[in-house]
C-alpha atoms as a PDB file:
ATOM      1  CA  UNK A   1      64.201  87.115  84.271  1.00  0.00           C
ATOM      2  CA  UNK A   2      67.277  87.785  86.198  1.00  0.00           C
ATOM      3  CA  UNK A   3      69.683  90.375  85.607  1.00  0.00           C
ATOM      4  CA  UNK A   4      73.017  88.888  84.404  1.00  0.00           C
ATOM      5  CA  UNK A   5      76.260  89.582  86.633  1.00  0.00           C
ATOM      6  CA  UNK A   6      78.871  92.188  85.197  1.00  0.00           C
ATOM      7  CA  UNK A   7      82.421  90.812  85.129  1.00  0.00           C
ATOM      8  CA  UNK A   8      83.434  93.078  87.911  1.00  0.00           C
ATOM      9  CA  UNK A   9      80.635  92.067  90.140  1.00  0.00           C
ATOM     10  CA  UNK A  10      81.635  88.390  89.516  1.00  0.00           C
ATOM     11  CA  UNK A  11      85.054  89.257  90.328  1.00  0.00           C
ATOM     12  CA  UNK A  12      84.273  90.993  93.895  1.00  0.00           C
ATOM     13  CA  UNK A  13      82.120  87.891  94.394  1.00  0.00           C
ATOM     14  CA  UNK A  14      84.683  85.185  94.039  1.00  0.00           C
ATOM     15  CA  UNK A  15      87.429  87.898  96.043  1.00  0.00           C
ATOM     16  CA  UNK A  16      85.280  87.726  99.326  1.00  0.00           C
ATOM     17  CA  UNK A  17      84.668  84.097  98.744  1.00  0.00           C
ATOM     18  CA  UNK A  18      88.333  83.728  98.749  1.00  0.00           C
ATOM     19  CA  UNK A  19      88.710  85.740 101.377  1.00  0.00           C
ATOM     20  CA  UNK A  20      85.949  84.156 103.594  1.00  0.00           C
ATOM     21  CA  UNK A  21      87.385  80.709 102.839  1.00  0.00           C
ATOM     22  CA  UNK A  22      90.958  82.179 103.970  1.00  0.00           C
ATOM     23  CA  UNK A  23      89.489  83.279 107.096  1.00  0.00           C
ATOM     24  CA  UNK A  24      87.583  79.762 107.712  1.00  0.00           C
ATOM     25  CA  UNK A  25      91.081  78.083 106.832  1.00  0.00           C
ATOM     26  CA  UNK A  26      92.673  80.007 109.798  1.00  0.00           C
ATOM     27  CA  UNK A  27      89.605  79.228 112.950  1.00  0.00           C
ATOM     28  CA  UNK A  28      86.395  80.338 114.020  1.00  0.00           C
ATOM     29  CA  UNK A  29      87.748  82.934 115.736  1.00  0.00           C
ATOM     30  CA  UNK A  30      89.228  84.720 112.621  1.00  0.00           C
ATOM     31  CA  UNK A  31      85.942  84.301 110.547  1.00  0.00           C
ATOM     32  CA  UNK A  32      84.059  85.861 113.492  1.00  0.00           C
ATOM     33  CA  UNK A  33      86.067  88.820 113.217  1.00  0.00           C
ATOM     34  CA  UNK A  34      85.887  89.432 110.086  1.00  0.00           C
ATOM     35  CA  UNK A  35      81.856  89.060 109.945  1.00  0.00           C
ATOM     36  CA  UNK A  36      81.780  91.404 112.589  1.00  0.00           C
ATOM     37  CA  UNK A  37      84.203  93.961 110.945  1.00  0.00           C
ATOM     38  CA  UNK A  38      82.263  93.822 107.162  1.00  0.00           C
ATOM     39  CA  UNK A  39      78.997  94.470 109.461  1.00  0.00           C
ATOM     40  CA  UNK A  40      80.849  97.104 111.013  1.00  0.00           C
ATOM     41  CA  UNK A  41      81.822  98.947 107.936  1.00  0.00           C
ATOM     42  CA  UNK A  42      78.203  98.291 106.377  1.00  0.00           C
ATOM     43  CA  UNK A  43      76.888 100.238 109.204  1.00  0.00           C
ATOM     44  CA  UNK A  44      79.676 103.045 108.653  1.00  0.00           C
ATOM     45  CA  UNK A  45      78.586 103.384 104.948  1.00  0.00           C
ATOM     46  CA  UNK A  46      74.643 103.644 105.296  1.00  0.00           C
ATOM     47  CA  UNK A  47      75.488 106.082 107.731  1.00  0.00           C
ATOM     48  CA  UNK A  48      77.960 107.922 105.231  1.00  0.00           C
ATOM     49  CA  UNK A  49      75.435 107.450 102.137  1.00  0.00           C
ATOM     50  CA  UNK A  50      72.472 109.136 104.766  1.00  0.00           C
ATOM     51  CA  UNK A  51      74.597 112.114 105.221  1.00  0.00           C
ATOM     52  CA  UNK A  52      75.682 112.932 101.651  1.00  0.00           C
ATOM     53  CA  UNK A  53      72.682 112.408 100.268  1.00  0.00           C
ATOM     54  CA  UNK A  54      71.088 114.787 103.079  1.00  0.00           C
ATOM     55  CA  UNK A  55      73.108 117.163 101.583  1.00  0.00           C
ATOM     56  CA  UNK A  56      72.683 116.654  97.890  1.00  0.00           C
ATOM     57  CA  UNK A  57      75.856 114.328  96.604  1.00  0.00           C
ATOM     58  CA  UNK A  58      74.424 110.986  96.777  1.00  0.00           C
ATOM     59  CA  UNK A  59      71.539 109.261  94.748  1.00  0.00           C
END
């Protein structure tokens, strides 16, 4: 059975969808920039988590 999404996760998902739709309405280049930016942020967060995990400050 799938886990039930919390209200917070539902709100974050709705905000992401809203921002994606806004970027799409501005054109393909705006949406591509958004996708690229999110990918870069994701990579940076992975590196930060590894660093913090290495010194015992993250799970």
